[in-house]
Amino acid sequence: MPILARPFTIVVVLAIGTAEIGCQSEDTGTSPGGPSTVSESTAAGEAVAERTASRPRSRTFELDYGVTVNDVPAGSRLRVWLPMPQTTAAQQISRLRQQVPVEPIQTTESKYGNRMLHFDLEPSTAGPIFFQVTWQITRNEVLGLDTVDPTAGLDDAERTTYLAANLKVPIAGKPLTLIDPNQLSRENPIALGRSLYEQVDSHMRYDKSKPGFGNGDVLWACDSGFGNCTDFHSLFISWARSQDLPARFEIGFPLPPDRGEGKIGGYHCWAQFHVDGHGWVPTDISEADKHPDLKSYYFGNLTENRVQFTIGRDITLEPAQDGDPLNYFIYPHIEVDGKTWSLDKTERMFAFRDKVDG
């Protein structure tokens, strides 16, 4: 049943320890201790962070995820889904604070295991409605080539999911015609992944100056040869799956390498492929393209300057949305009386604050 919104804000603080409770702005850089804005292209800022023998590094910070929904008619049914960052081997979610009009329910969709907060309410008056969730996150550098799990494997359902096509990620036809078979290494799965990584980087150019980027449409990437992180990694996933190499899409937010605080302008995404007896191996090809000096690093490794929220494509939320499956899930999904509410009628706000010891 919908919940009637009351004319005050509920502030909820949940102490959750390490339990699982569950690319598009302009770059302005950052300075420690001062405000900044970081987007998917400055997250690259992470790319210029010097890697040292003290790896793996870690980073603890708070992240605000906020949205104001505008122009919602009084008495309408408003449903809002917010993605939740996932507790994994690479990151720990240690605290949650919320400023919301009604208390949400926490849900998990069945295909990928993505967690989310779902709000269901009927505003009694027209006007903007504000939602904000603050997470405390400790993120670890991922050293995917150095970390070997001899027991790693996928069950039949997982293997099927990560070898199948998605709506915008075909695994047959035109994309395969762009693979150079003479440049494919089949010595082992990691060598195969590396050769596909190199070919994607050769075909694609990081460029957001022209329209059409960011949808993760593999056919568009094949034709255009440019795009952002979504386009790079969708092409990699298409090619990997076509070669019987399970691969998945991951998306979250970037942080600049310098510690401090600031706004986050947009998302960042990357891809991972699975090797039985080893585990998931990450790739960040768009960062490698922007920072050729770190091309070797970004095959198999990820810095600590990011946070993962969700995985997968063609996502059906829980409870299910009335609209179509989501291409990917990083921004709020909003429906009013069963119809998708345009993000143009919202104001999104993402920000970070590094935690300082002592």
Protein backbone atom coordinates (compact mmCIF):
# COMPACT_ATOMS: atom_id res chain seq x y z
CA MET A 1 0.00 0.00 0.00
CA PRO A 2 1.28 3.50 -0.71
CA ILE A 3 2.36 5.50 2.30
CA LEU A 4 0.96 8.95 2.80
CA ALA A 5 3.74 11.50 3.07
CA ARG A 6 3.78 13.61 6.20
CA PRO A 7 4.87 17.24 6.11
CA PHE A 8 8.20 16.62 7.87
CA THR A 9 11.46 14.84 7.18
CA ILE A 10 12.46 11.56 8.77
CA VAL A 11 16.16 11.25 9.56
CA VAL A 12 17.22 7.65 10.02
CA VAL A 13 20.65 6.53 11.22
CA LEU A 14 21.52 2.85 10.88
CA ALA A 15 24.72 1.44 12.30
CA ILE A 16 25.46 -1.59 10.16
CA GLY A 17 29.12 -2.37 10.72
CA THR A 18 30.43 -4.33 7.77
CA ALA A 19 27.18 -6.17 7.19
CA GLU A 20 25.55 -6.02 3.81
CA ILE A 21 22.44 -3.95 4.39
CA GLY A 22 21.40 -4.88 1.60
CA CYS A 23 30.07 10.08 -17.16
CA GLN A 24 29.10 13.35 -17.87
CA SER A 25 30.00 16.60 -16.11
CA GLU A 26 32.79 19.05 -16.80
CA ASP A 27 36.00 18.53 -14.87
CA THR A 28 37.19 21.09 -12.35
CA GLY A 29 39.72 19.08 -10.43
CA THR A 30 40.03 18.92 -6.68
CA SER A 31 42.14 20.15 -3.80
CA PRO A 32 42.60 18.46 -0.43
CA GLY A 33 40.25 19.87 2.15
CA GLY A 34 38.47 22.14 -0.32
CA PRO A 35 35.43 21.81 -2.56
CA SER A 36 35.76 20.28 -5.99
CA THR A 37 33.84 18.55 -8.72
CA VAL A 38 34.85 15.20 -10.15
CA SER A 39 33.28 13.39 -13.07
CA GLU A 40 33.98 10.20 -14.93
CA SER A 41 36.70 11.90 -16.88
CA THR A 42 38.55 13.30 -13.88
CA ALA A 43 38.16 10.08 -12.10
CA ALA A 44 40.83 9.47 -14.28
CA GLY A 45 42.44 11.72 -11.93
CA GLU A 46 42.74 8.46 -10.20
CA ALA A 47 44.78 7.28 -13.12
CA VAL A 48 47.60 9.68 -12.36
CA ALA A 49 47.84 8.57 -8.75
CA GLU A 50 51.26 6.98 -8.37
CA ARG A 51 51.15 3.29 -7.53
CA THR A 52 53.74 2.16 -5.01
CA ALA A 53 55.06 -0.98 -3.43
CA SER A 54 52.76 -0.40 -0.46
CA ARG A 55 49.77 -1.71 -2.42
CA PRO A 56 46.99 -2.46 -1.98
CA ARG A 57 45.83 0.93 -0.83
CA SER A 58 42.50 1.75 0.77
CA ARG A 59 40.38 4.85 1.22
CA THR A 60 37.56 5.64 3.64
CA PHE A 61 35.06 8.35 2.79
CA GLU A 62 31.45 9.41 3.09
CA LEU A 63 29.36 9.65 -0.04
CA ASP A 64 26.13 11.63 -0.33
CA TYR A 65 23.61 10.39 -2.88
CA GLY A 66 20.78 12.88 -3.24
CA VAL A 67 17.91 13.71 -5.56
CA THR A 68 15.14 16.30 -5.52
CA VAL A 69 12.05 15.28 -7.50
CA ASN A 70 10.25 18.30 -8.90
CA ASP A 71 6.71 18.95 -10.17
CA VAL A 72 5.08 15.87 -8.62
CA PRO A 73 1.30 16.48 -8.54
CA ALA A 74 -0.39 16.31 -5.14
CA GLY A 75 -2.19 13.01 -4.59
CA SER A 76 -0.23 11.12 -7.23
CA ARG A 77 1.61 7.90 -6.52
CA LEU A 78 5.37 8.47 -6.43
CA ARG A 79 7.77 5.54 -6.48
CA VAL A 80 11.53 6.05 -6.22
CA TRP A 81 14.29 3.44 -6.40
CA LEU A 82 17.81 4.42 -5.27
CA PRO A 83 20.72 2.03 -5.91
CA MET A 84 22.81 0.95 -2.93
CA PRO A 85 26.57 0.42 -2.97
CA GLN A 86 27.41 -3.24 -2.53
CA THR A 87 29.56 -4.72 0.21
CA THR A 88 32.17 -6.84 -1.57
CA ALA A 89 35.75 -7.97 -1.11
CA ALA A 90 36.75 -4.59 -2.59
CA GLN A 91 34.62 -2.32 -0.41
CA GLN A 92 32.91 -2.26 2.96
CA ILE A 93 29.77 -0.29 3.72
CA SER A 94 29.94 0.69 7.37
CA ARG A 95 27.25 3.31 8.03
CA LEU A 96 24.05 4.69 6.54
CA ARG A 97 22.29 8.01 7.20
CA GLN A 98 19.11 9.09 5.42
CA GLN A 99 17.06 12.26 4.99
CA VAL A 100 13.88 11.10 3.30
CA PRO A 101 10.14 11.92 3.27
CA VAL A 102 9.13 8.34 4.20
CA GLU A 103 11.08 5.35 5.39
CA PRO A 104 12.03 3.06 2.50
CA ILE A 105 12.16 -0.68 2.21
CA GLN A 106 15.41 -2.34 1.25
CA THR A 107 15.11 -4.83 -1.61
CA THR A 108 17.31 -7.04 -3.78
CA GLU A 109 16.65 -7.90 -7.41
CA SER A 110 17.11 -11.56 -8.28
CA LYS A 111 19.20 -11.59 -11.47
CA TYR A 112 22.36 -9.78 -10.34
CA GLY A 113 21.79 -9.36 -6.61
CA ASN A 114 21.73 -5.55 -6.77
CA ARG A 115 20.37 -3.91 -3.64
CA MET A 116 18.24 -0.79 -3.60
CA LEU A 117 16.02 1.41 -1.46
CA HIS A 118 12.39 1.67 -2.60
CA PHE A 119 10.10 4.56 -1.61
CA ASP A 120 6.35 4.47 -2.21
CA LEU A 121 4.32 7.54 -1.25
CA GLU A 122 1.42 9.82 -2.16
CA PRO A 123 2.46 13.46 -1.61
CA SER A 124 -0.32 15.42 0.06
CA THR A 125 0.90 18.68 -1.48
CA ALA A 126 2.62 19.56 -4.73
CA GLY A 127 6.22 20.63 -4.68
CA PRO A 128 9.77 19.31 -4.63
CA ILE A 129 10.51 16.13 -2.66
CA PHE A 130 14.02 15.52 -1.38
CA PHE A 131 15.80 12.20 -0.83
CA GLN A 132 19.37 11.83 0.40
CA VAL A 133 21.35 8.85 1.60
CA THR A 134 24.83 9.14 3.07
CA TRP A 135 27.12 6.12 3.04
CA GLN A 136 30.45 5.54 4.72
CA ILE A 137 32.62 3.40 2.49
CA THR A 138 36.06 1.87 2.73
CA ARG A 139 37.28 1.06 -0.75
CA ASN A 140 40.33 -1.13 -1.43
CA GLU A 141 42.58 -1.16 -4.43
CA VAL A 142 41.84 -4.25 -6.54
CA LEU A 143 44.84 -6.26 -7.70
CA GLY A 144 43.04 -8.73 -9.88
CA LEU A 145 46.04 -10.39 -11.45
CA ASP A 146 47.78 -10.92 -8.11
CA THR A 147 44.71 -12.25 -6.30
CA VAL A 148 44.10 -15.88 -7.23
CA ASP A 149 41.24 -18.01 -5.90
CA PRO A 150 41.78 -21.65 -6.95
CA THR A 151 38.16 -22.41 -6.00
CA ALA A 152 36.66 -19.61 -8.12
CA GLY A 153 33.93 -20.72 -10.48
CA LEU A 154 30.50 -19.76 -11.77
CA ASP A 155 27.34 -21.79 -11.35
CA ASP A 156 25.25 -22.57 -14.41
CA ALA A 157 22.92 -19.59 -13.94
CA GLU A 158 25.81 -17.14 -13.54
CA ARG A 159 27.65 -18.52 -16.54
CA THR A 160 24.53 -18.24 -18.66
CA THR A 161 23.96 -14.63 -17.53
CA TYR A 162 27.51 -13.49 -18.20
CA LEU A 163 27.74 -15.14 -21.60
CA ALA A 164 24.36 -13.94 -22.90
CA ALA A 165 23.60 -10.91 -25.06
CA ASN A 166 21.94 -7.81 -23.64
CA LEU A 167 19.58 -5.50 -25.48
CA LYS A 168 22.41 -3.14 -26.46
CA VAL A 169 25.20 -5.71 -26.21
CA PRO A 170 24.95 -8.26 -29.05
CA ILE A 171 27.43 -11.13 -29.12
CA ALA A 172 27.07 -12.03 -32.79
CA GLY A 173 26.96 -10.26 -36.13
CA LYS A 174 28.65 -6.91 -36.73
CA PRO A 175 30.79 -6.65 -33.56
CA LEU A 176 32.56 -9.90 -34.41
CA THR A 177 33.61 -8.61 -37.81
CA LEU A 178 35.80 -6.01 -36.05
CA ILE A 179 37.82 -8.54 -34.05
CA ASP A 180 41.20 -9.23 -35.61
CA PRO A 181 41.71 -12.99 -35.20
CA ASN A 182 45.44 -12.58 -35.77
CA GLN A 183 45.62 -10.41 -32.66
CA LEU A 184 43.72 -12.82 -30.38
CA SER A 185 45.76 -14.80 -27.89
CA ARG A 186 44.23 -18.12 -26.87
CA GLU A 187 47.12 -19.24 -24.71
CA ASN A 188 44.86 -18.91 -21.64
CA PRO A 189 41.76 -16.89 -20.60
CA ILE A 190 43.79 -14.02 -19.13
CA ALA A 191 45.83 -13.71 -22.31
CA LEU A 192 42.59 -13.74 -24.31
CA GLY A 193 41.16 -10.99 -22.09
CA ARG A 194 44.31 -8.92 -22.56
CA SER A 195 44.19 -9.23 -26.35
CA LEU A 196 40.53 -8.11 -26.37
CA TYR A 197 41.43 -5.22 -24.04
CA GLU A 198 44.09 -4.09 -26.52
CA GLN A 199 41.74 -4.36 -29.49
CA VAL A 200 38.99 -2.35 -27.80
CA ASP A 201 41.51 0.36 -26.96
CA SER A 202 42.72 0.38 -30.56
CA HIS A 203 39.18 0.68 -31.95
CA MET A 204 37.79 3.22 -29.46
CA ARG A 205 38.73 6.81 -28.69
CA TYR A 206 37.62 8.54 -25.49
CA ASP A 207 35.53 11.46 -26.73
CA LYS A 208 32.39 13.06 -25.28
CA SER A 209 32.35 16.06 -27.60
CA LYS A 210 29.77 14.57 -29.97
CA PRO A 211 26.25 13.30 -29.22
CA GLY A 212 25.39 9.63 -28.92
CA PHE A 213 27.86 8.45 -26.30
CA GLY A 214 27.03 6.89 -22.96
CA ASN A 215 24.30 4.40 -23.86
CA GLY A 216 26.57 1.39 -24.02
CA ASP A 217 25.22 0.58 -27.48
CA VAL A 218 27.73 -1.80 -29.04
CA LEU A 219 26.56 -1.29 -32.62
CA TRP A 220 26.91 2.46 -32.17
CA ALA A 221 30.41 1.97 -30.72
CA CYS A 222 31.34 -0.22 -33.67
CA ASP A 223 30.32 2.51 -36.12
CA SER A 224 31.49 5.60 -34.21
CA GLY A 225 34.76 4.37 -32.76
CA PHE A 226 34.46 6.80 -29.83
CA GLY A 227 32.53 7.24 -26.62
CA ASN A 228 32.81 7.20 -22.85
CA CYS A 229 33.40 4.43 -20.33
CA THR A 230 29.99 2.86 -21.01
CA ASP A 231 30.74 2.43 -24.69
CA PHE A 232 34.28 1.11 -24.22
CA HIS A 233 33.26 -1.55 -21.75
CA SER A 234 30.09 -2.61 -23.54
CA LEU A 235 32.21 -3.40 -26.59
CA PHE A 236 34.67 -5.35 -24.43
CA ILE A 237 31.84 -7.36 -22.85
CA SER A 238 30.36 -8.10 -26.28
CA TRP A 239 33.66 -9.37 -27.62
CA ALA A 240 34.52 -11.33 -24.47
CA ARG A 241 31.19 -13.13 -24.37
CA SER A 242 31.46 -13.91 -28.08
CA GLN A 243 34.71 -15.73 -27.27
CA ASP A 244 33.08 -17.73 -24.44
CA LEU A 245 34.72 -15.54 -21.79
CA PRO A 246 32.15 -14.58 -19.13
CA ALA A 247 32.10 -10.81 -18.56
CA ARG A 248 30.04 -8.35 -16.56
CA PHE A 249 29.34 -4.61 -16.39
CA GLU A 250 29.99 -2.69 -13.15
CA ILE A 251 29.04 0.91 -12.44
CA GLY A 252 29.51 3.37 -9.62
CA PHE A 253 31.12 6.74 -8.93
CA PRO A 254 34.69 8.04 -9.28
CA LEU A 255 36.74 9.98 -6.76
CA PRO A 256 39.77 12.16 -7.50
CA PRO A 257 43.12 10.87 -6.21
CA ASP A 258 43.67 13.82 -3.87
CA ARG A 259 41.97 13.41 -0.52
CA GLY A 260 39.50 16.11 0.44
CA GLU A 261 35.85 16.73 -0.38
CA GLY A 262 33.77 17.84 -3.33
CA LYS A 263 30.95 17.17 -5.73
CA ILE A 264 30.87 14.19 -8.06
CA GLY A 265 29.66 15.12 -11.52
CA GLY A 266 28.69 11.71 -12.90
CA TYR A 267 29.14 7.97 -12.91
CA HIS A 268 32.02 5.74 -13.96
CA CYS A 269 31.89 2.15 -15.14
CA TRP A 270 34.26 -0.69 -15.94
CA ALA A 271 34.16 -4.38 -16.87
CA GLN A 272 35.33 -7.65 -15.36
CA PHE A 273 35.84 -11.05 -16.95
CA HIS A 274 35.84 -14.37 -15.13
CA VAL A 275 38.52 -17.05 -15.15
CA ASP A 276 37.76 -20.36 -13.46
CA GLY A 277 40.36 -21.09 -10.81
CA HIS A 278 41.37 -17.43 -10.64
CA GLY A 279 38.29 -15.22 -10.19
CA TRP A 280 37.06 -11.93 -11.64
CA VAL A 281 39.67 -9.84 -13.46
CA PRO A 282 38.87 -6.10 -13.80
CA THR A 283 39.54 -3.90 -16.82
CA ASP A 284 39.17 -0.14 -17.15
CA ILE A 285 39.85 0.52 -20.81
CA SER A 286 38.56 4.09 -20.97
CA GLU A 287 41.00 5.10 -18.22
CA ALA A 288 43.78 3.30 -20.07
CA ASP A 289 42.88 5.18 -23.24
CA LYS A 290 43.10 8.52 -21.44
CA HIS A 291 46.28 7.56 -19.59
CA PRO A 292 48.44 5.38 -21.85
CA ASP A 293 51.21 5.32 -19.24
CA LEU A 294 48.87 3.30 -17.01
CA LYS A 295 47.54 1.00 -19.72
CA SER A 296 49.20 -2.06 -18.20
CA TYR A 297 47.93 -1.16 -14.73
CA TYR A 298 44.31 -0.89 -15.81
CA PHE A 299 44.31 -4.43 -17.12
CA GLY A 300 43.68 -6.44 -13.99
CA ASN A 301 43.77 -3.62 -11.42
CA LEU A 302 41.58 -0.82 -10.12
CA THR A 303 42.62 1.99 -7.81
CA GLU A 304 40.80 2.67 -4.56
CA ASN A 305 39.38 5.93 -5.95
CA ARG A 306 35.91 4.69 -6.85
CA VAL A 307 32.89 2.94 -5.41
CA GLN A 308 30.79 0.25 -7.05
CA PHE A 309 27.01 0.50 -6.84
CA THR A 310 25.50 -2.06 -9.22
CA ILE A 311 26.31 -4.65 -11.86
CA GLY A 312 24.59 -5.77 -15.04
CA ARG A 313 22.35 -4.45 -17.79
CA ASP A 314 18.63 -4.74 -18.62
CA ILE A 315 17.72 -4.54 -14.95
CA THR A 316 14.30 -5.24 -13.49
CA LEU A 317 14.05 -3.55 -10.11
CA GLU A 318 12.50 -4.94 -6.94
CA PRO A 319 9.63 -4.35 -6.67
CA ALA A 320 9.43 -4.26 -10.44
CA GLN A 321 9.11 -0.93 -12.17
CA ASP A 322 6.17 -0.36 -14.53
CA GLY A 323 8.51 0.82 -17.28
CA ASP A 324 11.04 -1.08 -19.37
CA PRO A 325 14.12 -2.79 -17.91
CA LEU A 326 16.85 -0.29 -17.09
CA ASN A 327 19.83 -0.12 -19.42
CA TYR A 328 21.93 0.22 -16.26
CA PHE A 329 21.17 1.40 -12.74
CA ILE A 330 23.20 4.19 -11.18
CA TYR A 331 20.84 7.17 -11.11
CA PRO A 332 17.46 7.20 -9.33
CA HIS A 333 14.58 5.55 -11.14
CA ILE A 334 11.37 7.50 -10.56
CA GLU A 335 7.79 6.75 -11.57
CA VAL A 336 4.71 8.89 -11.06
CA ASP A 337 1.37 7.11 -11.47
CA GLY A 338 3.14 4.28 -13.26
CA LYS A 339 4.99 6.44 -15.78
CA THR A 340 8.73 7.04 -15.80
CA TRP A 341 9.55 10.53 -14.51
CA SER A 342 12.11 12.32 -16.61
CA LEU A 343 15.46 12.98 -14.96
CA ASP A 344 15.10 16.48 -16.42
CA LYS A 345 12.52 17.04 -13.68
CA THR A 346 15.01 16.15 -10.98
CA GLU A 347 18.08 17.68 -9.39
CA ARG A 348 20.76 15.13 -8.56
CA MET A 349 23.55 15.71 -6.08
CA PHE A 350 26.51 13.42 -5.42
CA ALA A 351 29.38 14.40 -3.13
CA PHE A 352 32.23 12.86 -1.14
CA ARG A 353 34.18 13.67 2.03
CA ASP A 354 37.32 11.77 2.89
CA LYS A 355 37.67 10.59 6.47
CA VAL A 356 40.76 11.93 8.23
CA ASP A 357 42.45 9.75 10.83
CA GLY A 358 42.40 11.18 14.30
